[in-house]
Amino acid sequence: MAFFSRRKKQESEPTDVVEETTEVAGEDAPAQRGPRDISEVESVEGMHNFGVLHLPKKSGVRVQFTINKRTRAAIGALVQFAGTSVTLNVYAAPKHTALWPDVRDELAETVMGDGGTANFREGPFGPEIEAMVPKKGVNEIRHVRYVGFDGPRWFLRATVEGEAVSSAEVRETVYKYFDEIVVDRGAEPHPVRDLLELEMPESAQERVEAKLGKIPAGKTRGPELPELA
């Protein structure tokens, strides 16, 4: 499914999942709602450090990576708790223009074009999409919520599945988790809407290579797009 009209090839590549789990007691959520930029927090000590994403460590929360099989790169974080799975993807964004208004319209159009349904819902962070998404090739429908966050030169998309989609109580638990996320976009230039890779711990990298093998010799990551953001 095309979530962005100008996405890079790597997002369309087959993906796999590798897990990185730590269970510890979590801190109380900050008063400010929604993910914050690295410049807005005093410290990210004690959090999962995945480069562009810093995630809170909480008891009972399992964190995995979605892996691009071609490049062996982590292209997203899959967080599971409270009967819910949340896929987090970070994209490069313009300095002064929000991406989510256009992206949610594109998402809704794509879902409906594939035979599904998409409805806008108001959430604590603004408009969201609740969708029934047909899975290609199988007789199955995914019930999901898409939530978007615009930050300084970054855009974070959360794809929510499971109990939080239909349960307001569980959904609020997920929203509180969003409040504790920190994004570190970095200074490196990227094309607008470029899917940003996460940094995996060495142990996770080893599991990726054990499962998928190392990148074959001579394989390259392909041409880069112009640096626009």
C-alpha atoms as a PDB file:
ATOM      1  CA  MET A   1       0.000   0.000   0.000  1.00  0.00           C
ATOM      2  CA  ALA A   2       1.368   3.431  -0.927  1.00  0.00           C
ATOM      3  CA  PHE A   3       1.308   5.590   2.182  1.00  0.00           C
ATOM      4  CA  PHE A   4       3.298   8.379   0.540  1.00  0.00           C
ATOM      5  CA  SER A   5       3.136   9.345  -3.082  1.00  0.00           C
ATOM      6  CA  ARG A   6       6.873   9.996  -3.140  1.00  0.00           C
ATOM      7  CA  ARG A   7       8.193   7.347  -0.780  1.00  0.00           C
ATOM      8  CA  LYS A   8      11.650   5.858  -1.341  1.00  0.00           C
ATOM      9  CA  LYS A   9      12.059   2.362  -2.695  1.00  0.00           C
ATOM     10  CA  GLN A  10      13.324   0.979   0.597  1.00  0.00           C
ATOM     11  CA  GLU A  11       9.915   1.368   2.243  1.00  0.00           C
ATOM     12  CA  SER A  12       8.343  -0.834  -0.398  1.00  0.00           C
ATOM     13  CA  GLU A  13      10.894  -3.605   0.104  1.00  0.00           C
ATOM     14  CA  PRO A  14       9.829  -6.766   2.000  1.00  0.00           C
ATOM     15  CA  THR A  15      10.366  -6.418   5.725  1.00  0.00           C
ATOM     16  CA  ASP A  16      11.087  -8.685   8.655  1.00  0.00           C
ATOM     17  CA  VAL A  17      10.942  -8.145  12.408  1.00  0.00           C
ATOM     18  CA  VAL A  18      13.639  -8.484  15.041  1.00  0.00           C
ATOM     19  CA  GLU A  19      12.987  -7.942  18.716  1.00  0.00           C
ATOM     20  CA  GLU A  20      14.711  -5.746  21.289  1.00  0.00           C
ATOM     21  CA  THR A  21      13.101  -6.159  24.723  1.00  0.00           C
ATOM     22  CA  THR A  22      13.746  -4.426  28.015  1.00  0.00           C
ATOM     23  CA  GLU A  23      11.284  -4.442  30.884  1.00  0.00           C
ATOM     24  CA  VAL A  24      11.753  -1.842  33.617  1.00  0.00           C
ATOM     25  CA  ALA A  25       9.556   0.516  35.561  1.00  0.00           C
ATOM     26  CA  GLY A  26       8.557   3.607  33.605  1.00  0.00           C
ATOM     27  CA  GLU A  27       8.477   7.264  34.599  1.00  0.00           C
ATOM     28  CA  ASP A  28       5.314   9.346  34.768  1.00  0.00           C
ATOM     29  CA  ALA A  29       4.334  10.855  31.411  1.00  0.00           C
ATOM     30  CA  PRO A  30       5.200  14.524  30.838  1.00  0.00           C
ATOM     31  CA  ALA A  31       2.469  17.163  30.932  1.00  0.00           C
ATOM     32  CA  GLN A  32       3.017  18.125  27.297  1.00  0.00           C
ATOM     33  CA  ARG A  33       1.114  15.878  24.919  1.00  0.00           C
ATOM     34  CA  GLY A  34       2.675  14.126  21.996  1.00  0.00           C
ATOM     35  CA  PRO A  35       6.218  13.139  21.008  1.00  0.00           C
ATOM     36  CA  ARG A  36       8.860  15.776  21.632  1.00  0.00           C
ATOM     37  CA  ASP A  37      11.932  16.869  19.771  1.00  0.00           C
ATOM     38  CA  ILE A  38      15.328  16.135  21.288  1.00  0.00           C
ATOM     39  CA  SER A  39      15.827  19.895  21.727  1.00  0.00           C
ATOM     40  CA  GLU A  40      12.825  20.036  24.070  1.00  0.00           C
ATOM     41  CA  VAL A  41      14.013  17.542  26.672  1.00  0.00           C
ATOM     42  CA  GLU A  42      16.756  17.765  29.259  1.00  0.00           C
ATOM     43  CA  SER A  43      17.867  14.156  28.935  1.00  0.00           C
ATOM     44  CA  VAL A  44      17.025  10.849  27.252  1.00  0.00           C
ATOM     45  CA  GLU A  45      19.064   8.830  29.719  1.00  0.00           C
ATOM     46  CA  GLY A  46      17.393   5.550  30.587  1.00  0.00           C
ATOM     47  CA  MET A  47      15.429   5.360  27.339  1.00  0.00           C
ATOM     48  CA  HIS A  48      15.817   3.001  24.390  1.00  0.00           C
ATOM     49  CA  ASN A  49      18.217   4.849  22.076  1.00  0.00           C
ATOM     50  CA  PHE A  50      17.521   3.924  18.466  1.00  0.00           C
ATOM     51  CA  GLY A  51      19.083   6.989  16.902  1.00  0.00           C
ATOM     52  CA  VAL A  52      16.207   9.005  15.472  1.00  0.00           C
ATOM     53  CA  LEU A  53      13.827   7.464  18.031  1.00  0.00           C
ATOM     54  CA  HIS A  54      14.127   7.388  21.802  1.00  0.00           C
ATOM     55  CA  LEU A  55      11.446   5.206  23.388  1.00  0.00           C
ATOM     56  CA  PRO A  56      10.539   4.849  27.069  1.00  0.00           C
ATOM     57  CA  LYS A  57      11.469   1.615  28.801  1.00  0.00           C
ATOM     58  CA  LYS A  58       8.396   0.165  30.455  1.00  0.00           C
ATOM     59  CA  SER A  59       7.490  -3.100  32.125  1.00  0.00           C
ATOM     60  CA  GLY A  60       5.455  -5.362  29.865  1.00  0.00           C
ATOM     61  CA  VAL A  61       6.288  -3.417  26.690  1.00  0.00           C
ATOM     62  CA  ARG A  62       7.980  -5.326  23.880  1.00  0.00           C
ATOM     63  CA  VAL A  63       9.954  -3.391  21.264  1.00  0.00           C
ATOM     64  CA  GLN A  64      10.861  -4.887  17.895  1.00  0.00           C
ATOM     65  CA  PHE A  65      12.249  -3.571  14.614  1.00  0.00           C
ATOM     66  CA  THR A  66      10.819  -3.809  11.143  1.00  0.00           C
ATOM     67  CA  ILE A  67      13.692  -4.671   8.841  1.00  0.00           C
ATOM     68  CA  ASN A  68      14.264  -3.914   5.172  1.00  0.00           C
ATOM     69  CA  LYS A  69      15.338  -7.329   3.882  1.00  0.00           C
ATOM     70  CA  ARG A  70      17.368  -5.839   1.039  1.00  0.00           C
ATOM     71  CA  THR A  71      19.451  -3.416   3.091  1.00  0.00           C
ATOM     72  CA  ARG A  72      19.149  -5.084   6.540  1.00  0.00           C
ATOM     73  CA  ALA A  73      18.275  -1.636   7.905  1.00  0.00           C
ATOM     74  CA  ALA A  74      15.729  -0.964  10.649  1.00  0.00           C
ATOM     75  CA  ILE A  75      12.992   1.160   9.068  1.00  0.00           C
ATOM     76  CA  GLY A  76      10.558   1.227  11.966  1.00  0.00           C
ATOM     77  CA  ALA A  77       9.871   0.274  15.562  1.00  0.00           C
ATOM     78  CA  LEU A  78       7.061  -2.122  16.457  1.00  0.00           C
ATOM     79  CA  VAL A  79       5.888  -1.585  20.028  1.00  0.00           C
ATOM     80  CA  GLN A  80       3.520  -4.091  21.633  1.00  0.00           C
ATOM     81  CA  PHE A  81       1.600  -3.718  24.905  1.00  0.00           C
ATOM     82  CA  ALA A  82      -1.959  -3.715  26.278  1.00  0.00           C
ATOM     83  CA  GLY A  83      -3.182  -5.999  23.512  1.00  0.00           C
ATOM     84  CA  THR A  84      -2.033  -3.451  20.960  1.00  0.00           C
ATOM     85  CA  SER A  85       0.747  -3.117  18.409  1.00  0.00           C
ATOM     86  CA  VAL A  86       2.036   0.270  17.291  1.00  0.00           C
ATOM     87  CA  THR A  87       4.358   0.690  14.317  1.00  0.00           C
ATOM     88  CA  LEU A  88       6.408   3.892  14.444  1.00  0.00           C
ATOM     89  CA  ASN A  89       8.047   5.370  11.339  1.00  0.00           C
ATOM     90  CA  VAL A  90      10.003   8.628  11.177  1.00  0.00           C
ATOM     91  CA  TYR A  91      10.296  10.714   7.996  1.00  0.00           C
ATOM     92  CA  ALA A  92      12.220  13.816   7.024  1.00  0.00           C
ATOM     93  CA  ALA A  93       9.957  16.854   6.757  1.00  0.00           C
ATOM     94  CA  PRO A  94      10.144  20.468   5.555  1.00  0.00           C
ATOM     95  CA  LYS A  95      11.235  23.132   7.995  1.00  0.00           C
ATOM     96  CA  HIS A  96       8.018  25.129   8.018  1.00  0.00           C
ATOM     97  CA  THR A  97       5.323  22.922   6.493  1.00  0.00           C
ATOM     98  CA  ALA A  98       3.281  20.231   8.263  1.00  0.00           C
ATOM     99  CA  LEU A  99       3.090  16.889   6.446  1.00  0.00           C
ATOM    100  CA  TRP A 100       0.235  15.222   8.327  1.00  0.00           C
ATOM    101  CA  PRO A 101      -2.653  17.146   6.684  1.00  0.00           C
ATOM    102  CA  ASP A 102      -1.573  15.964   3.215  1.00  0.00           C
ATOM    103  CA  VAL A 103      -0.467  12.522   4.358  1.00  0.00           C
ATOM    104  CA  ARG A 104      -3.760  11.678   6.063  1.00  0.00           C
ATOM    105  CA  ASP A 105      -5.679  12.659   2.920  1.00  0.00           C
ATOM    106  CA  GLU A 106      -3.372  10.437   0.852  1.00  0.00           C
ATOM    107  CA  LEU A 107      -3.770   7.580   3.327  1.00  0.00           C
ATOM    108  CA  ALA A 108      -7.563   7.807   3.222  1.00  0.00           C
ATOM    109  CA  GLU A 109      -7.558   7.936  -0.571  1.00  0.00           C
ATOM    110  CA  THR A 110      -5.234   4.943  -0.825  1.00  0.00           C
ATOM    111  CA  VAL A 111      -7.233   2.818   1.630  1.00  0.00           C
ATOM    112  CA  MET A 112     -10.521   3.543  -0.136  1.00  0.00           C
ATOM    113  CA  GLY A 113      -8.906   2.978  -3.512  1.00  0.00           C
ATOM    114  CA  ASP A 114      -7.934  -0.511  -2.332  1.00  0.00           C
ATOM    115  CA  GLY A 115     -11.529  -1.264  -1.365  1.00  0.00           C
ATOM    116  CA  GLY A 116     -11.323  -0.364   2.312  1.00  0.00           C
ATOM    117  CA  THR A 117     -12.939   2.338   4.409  1.00  0.00           C
ATOM    118  CA  ALA A 118     -11.342   5.375   6.049  1.00  0.00           C
ATOM    119  CA  ASN A 119     -12.950   7.802   8.494  1.00  0.00           C
ATOM    120  CA  PHE A 120     -11.468  10.841  10.179  1.00  0.00           C
ATOM    121  CA  ARG A 121     -11.600  10.821  13.974  1.00  0.00           C
ATOM    122  CA  GLU A 122     -10.653  13.639  16.314  1.00  0.00           C
ATOM    123  CA  GLY A 123      -7.946  12.683  18.803  1.00  0.00           C
ATOM    124  CA  PRO A 124      -5.903  14.524  21.444  1.00  0.00           C
ATOM    125  CA  PHE A 125      -3.227  15.301  18.837  1.00  0.00           C
ATOM    126  CA  GLY A 126      -5.655  16.339  16.096  1.00  0.00           C
ATOM    127  CA  PRO A 127      -7.382  14.434  13.291  1.00  0.00           C
ATOM    128  CA  GLU A 128      -6.654  10.715  12.990  1.00  0.00           C
ATOM    129  CA  ILE A 129      -7.805   8.058  10.533  1.00  0.00           C
ATOM    130  CA  GLU A 130      -9.715   4.954  11.553  1.00  0.00           C
ATOM    131  CA  ALA A 131      -9.589   2.506   8.658  1.00  0.00           C
ATOM    132  CA  MET A 132     -10.567  -0.971   7.555  1.00  0.00           C
ATOM    133  CA  VAL A 133      -7.667  -2.007   5.347  1.00  0.00           C
ATOM    134  CA  PRO A 134      -7.878  -5.070   3.074  1.00  0.00           C
ATOM    135  CA  LYS A 135      -4.735  -7.210   3.077  1.00  0.00           C
ATOM    136  CA  LYS A 136      -3.677  -7.955  -0.463  1.00  0.00           C
ATOM    137  CA  GLY A 137      -3.610 -11.593  -1.465  1.00  0.00           C
ATOM    138  CA  VAL A 138      -5.548 -12.843   1.572  1.00  0.00           C
ATOM    139  CA  ASN A 139      -9.149 -12.609   2.711  1.00  0.00           C
ATOM    140  CA  GLU A 140      -8.424 -10.472   5.741  1.00  0.00           C
ATOM    141  CA  ILE A 141      -9.227  -6.945   6.919  1.00  0.00           C
ATOM    142  CA  ARG A 142      -6.987  -4.915   9.217  1.00  0.00           C
ATOM    143  CA  HIS A 143      -8.727  -2.501  11.615  1.00  0.00           C
ATOM    144  CA  VAL A 144      -6.217   0.297  12.209  1.00  0.00           C
ATOM    145  CA  ARG A 145      -5.808   3.868  13.383  1.00  0.00           C
ATOM    146  CA  TYR A 146      -3.244   6.174  11.839  1.00  0.00           C
ATOM    147  CA  VAL A 147      -1.912   8.992  14.017  1.00  0.00           C
ATOM    148  CA  GLY A 148       0.506  11.621  12.745  1.00  0.00           C
ATOM    149  CA  PHE A 149       2.843  14.052  14.478  1.00  0.00           C
ATOM    150  CA  ASP A 150       4.641  16.983  12.855  1.00  0.00           C
ATOM    151  CA  GLY A 151       7.898  18.044  14.489  1.00  0.00           C
ATOM    152  CA  PRO A 152      10.893  20.220  13.628  1.00  0.00           C
ATOM    153  CA  ARG A 153      11.984  18.801  10.244  1.00  0.00           C
ATOM    154  CA  TRP A 154      10.514  15.398  11.094  1.00  0.00           C
ATOM    155  CA  PHE A 155       7.204  13.614  10.797  1.00  0.00           C
ATOM    156  CA  LEU A 156       6.263  10.591  12.916  1.00  0.00           C
ATOM    157  CA  ARG A 157       3.533   8.217  11.770  1.00  0.00           C
ATOM    158  CA  ALA A 158       2.002   5.727  14.186  1.00  0.00           C
ATOM    159  CA  THR A 159      -0.017   2.792  12.883  1.00  0.00           C
ATOM    160  CA  VAL A 160      -2.131   1.393  15.725  1.00  0.00           C
ATOM    161  CA  GLU A 161      -3.700  -2.083  15.650  1.00  0.00           C
ATOM    162  CA  GLY A 162      -5.376  -4.231  18.293  1.00  0.00           C
ATOM    163  CA  GLU A 163      -7.441  -3.289  21.327  1.00  0.00           C
ATOM    164  CA  ALA A 164      -6.543   0.414  21.250  1.00  0.00           C
ATOM    165  CA  VAL A 165      -8.353   0.873  17.934  1.00  0.00           C
ATOM    166  CA  SER A 166     -11.777   0.154  19.405  1.00  0.00           C
ATOM    167  CA  SER A 167     -11.249   0.758  23.141  1.00  0.00           C
ATOM    168  CA  ALA A 168     -10.981   4.395  24.253  1.00  0.00           C
ATOM    169  CA  GLU A 169      -9.480   3.298  27.585  1.00  0.00           C
ATOM    170  CA  VAL A 170      -6.688   1.298  25.983  1.00  0.00           C
ATOM    171  CA  ARG A 171      -6.191   3.996  23.372  1.00  0.00           C
ATOM    172  CA  GLU A 172      -5.503   6.552  26.107  1.00  0.00           C
ATOM    173  CA  THR A 173      -2.770   4.242  27.427  1.00  0.00           C
ATOM    174  CA  VAL A 174      -1.215   4.309  23.957  1.00  0.00           C
ATOM    175  CA  TYR A 175      -1.562   8.090  23.774  1.00  0.00           C
ATOM    176  CA  LYS A 176       0.310   8.399  27.069  1.00  0.00           C
ATOM    177  CA  TYR A 177       3.085   6.280  25.583  1.00  0.00           C
ATOM    178  CA  PHE A 178       3.260   8.707  22.651  1.00  0.00           C
ATOM    179  CA  ASP A 179       3.742  11.519  25.167  1.00  0.00           C
ATOM    180  CA  GLU A 180       7.061  10.010  26.218  1.00  0.00           C
ATOM    181  CA  ILE A 181       8.579   9.468  22.767  1.00  0.00           C
ATOM    182  CA  VAL A 182      11.531  11.666  21.783  1.00  0.00           C
ATOM    183  CA  VAL A 183      12.624  12.198  18.173  1.00  0.00           C
ATOM    184  CA  ASP A 184      16.196  13.117  17.242  1.00  0.00           C
ATOM    185  CA  ARG A 185      16.080  14.112  13.570  1.00  0.00           C
ATOM    186  CA  GLY A 186      19.770  14.979  13.401  1.00  0.00           C
ATOM    187  CA  ALA A 187      21.369  17.555  11.114  1.00  0.00           C
ATOM    188  CA  GLU A 188      21.997  15.308   8.104  1.00  0.00           C
ATOM    189  CA  PRO A 189      20.048  16.455   5.040  1.00  0.00           C
ATOM    190  CA  HIS A 190      17.399  14.106   3.631  1.00  0.00           C
ATOM    191  CA  PRO A 191      14.775  14.333   0.898  1.00  0.00           C
ATOM    192  CA  VAL A 192      11.377  15.424   2.187  1.00  0.00           C
ATOM    193  CA  ARG A 193       9.350  12.312   3.130  1.00  0.00           C
ATOM    194  CA  ASP A 194      12.485  10.191   3.246  1.00  0.00           C
ATOM    195  CA  LEU A 195      11.976   7.259   5.619  1.00  0.00           C
ATOM    196  CA  LEU A 196      14.683   7.583   8.276  1.00  0.00           C
ATOM    197  CA  GLU A 197      16.515   4.488   9.465  1.00  0.00           C
ATOM    198  CA  LEU A 198      16.759   3.545  13.121  1.00  0.00           C
ATOM    199  CA  GLU A 199      19.950   2.464  14.844  1.00  0.00           C
ATOM    200  CA  MET A 200      19.800  -1.065  16.225  1.00  0.00           C
ATOM    201  CA  PRO A 201      21.758  -2.337  19.209  1.00  0.00           C
ATOM    202  CA  GLU A 202      24.582  -4.677  18.294  1.00  0.00           C
ATOM    203  CA  SER A 203      22.653  -7.668  19.654  1.00  0.00           C
ATOM    204  CA  ALA A 204      19.731  -6.903  17.353  1.00  0.00           C
ATOM    205  CA  GLN A 205      22.041  -6.466  14.368  1.00  0.00           C
ATOM    206  CA  GLU A 206      23.526  -9.871  15.075  1.00  0.00           C
ATOM    207  CA  ARG A 207      20.060 -11.440  15.145  1.00  0.00           C
ATOM    208  CA  VAL A 208      19.216  -9.804  11.824  1.00  0.00           C
ATOM    209  CA  GLU A 209      22.339 -11.244  10.203  1.00  0.00           C
ATOM    210  CA  ALA A 210      21.704 -14.644  11.779  1.00  0.00           C
ATOM    211  CA  LYS A 211      18.184 -14.697  10.365  1.00  0.00           C
ATOM    212  CA  LEU A 212      18.633 -12.954   7.019  1.00  0.00           C
ATOM    213  CA  GLY A 213      22.366 -13.238   6.421  1.00  0.00           C
ATOM    214  CA  LYS A 214      24.754 -10.414   5.646  1.00  0.00           C
ATOM    215  CA  ILE A 215      24.183  -8.147   2.661  1.00  0.00           C
ATOM    216  CA  PRO A 216      25.596  -9.990  -0.382  1.00  0.00           C
ATOM    217  CA  ALA A 217      28.892  -8.610  -1.665  1.00  0.00           C
ATOM    218  CA  GLY A 218      28.458  -6.075  -4.423  1.00  0.00           C
ATOM    219  CA  LYS A 219      24.970  -5.073  -3.301  1.00  0.00           C
ATOM    220  CA  THR A 220      24.513  -1.329  -2.959  1.00  0.00           C
ATOM    221  CA  ARG A 221      21.710   0.666  -1.482  1.00  0.00           C
ATOM    222  CA  GLY A 222      20.908   2.334  -4.768  1.00  0.00           C
ATOM    223  CA  PRO A 223      21.049   5.947  -5.828  1.00  0.00           C
ATOM    224  CA  GLU A 224      20.247   8.654  -3.333  1.00  0.00           C
ATOM    225  CA  LEU A 225      17.661  11.335  -3.987  1.00  0.00           C
ATOM    226  CA  PRO A 226      18.547  15.048  -3.954  1.00  0.00           C
ATOM    227  CA  GLU A 227      19.051  16.359  -0.424  1.00  0.00           C
ATOM    228  CA  LEU A 228      16.097  18.636   0.129  1.00  0.00           C
ATOM    229  CA  ALA A 229      15.399  18.783   3.841  1.00  0.00           C
END
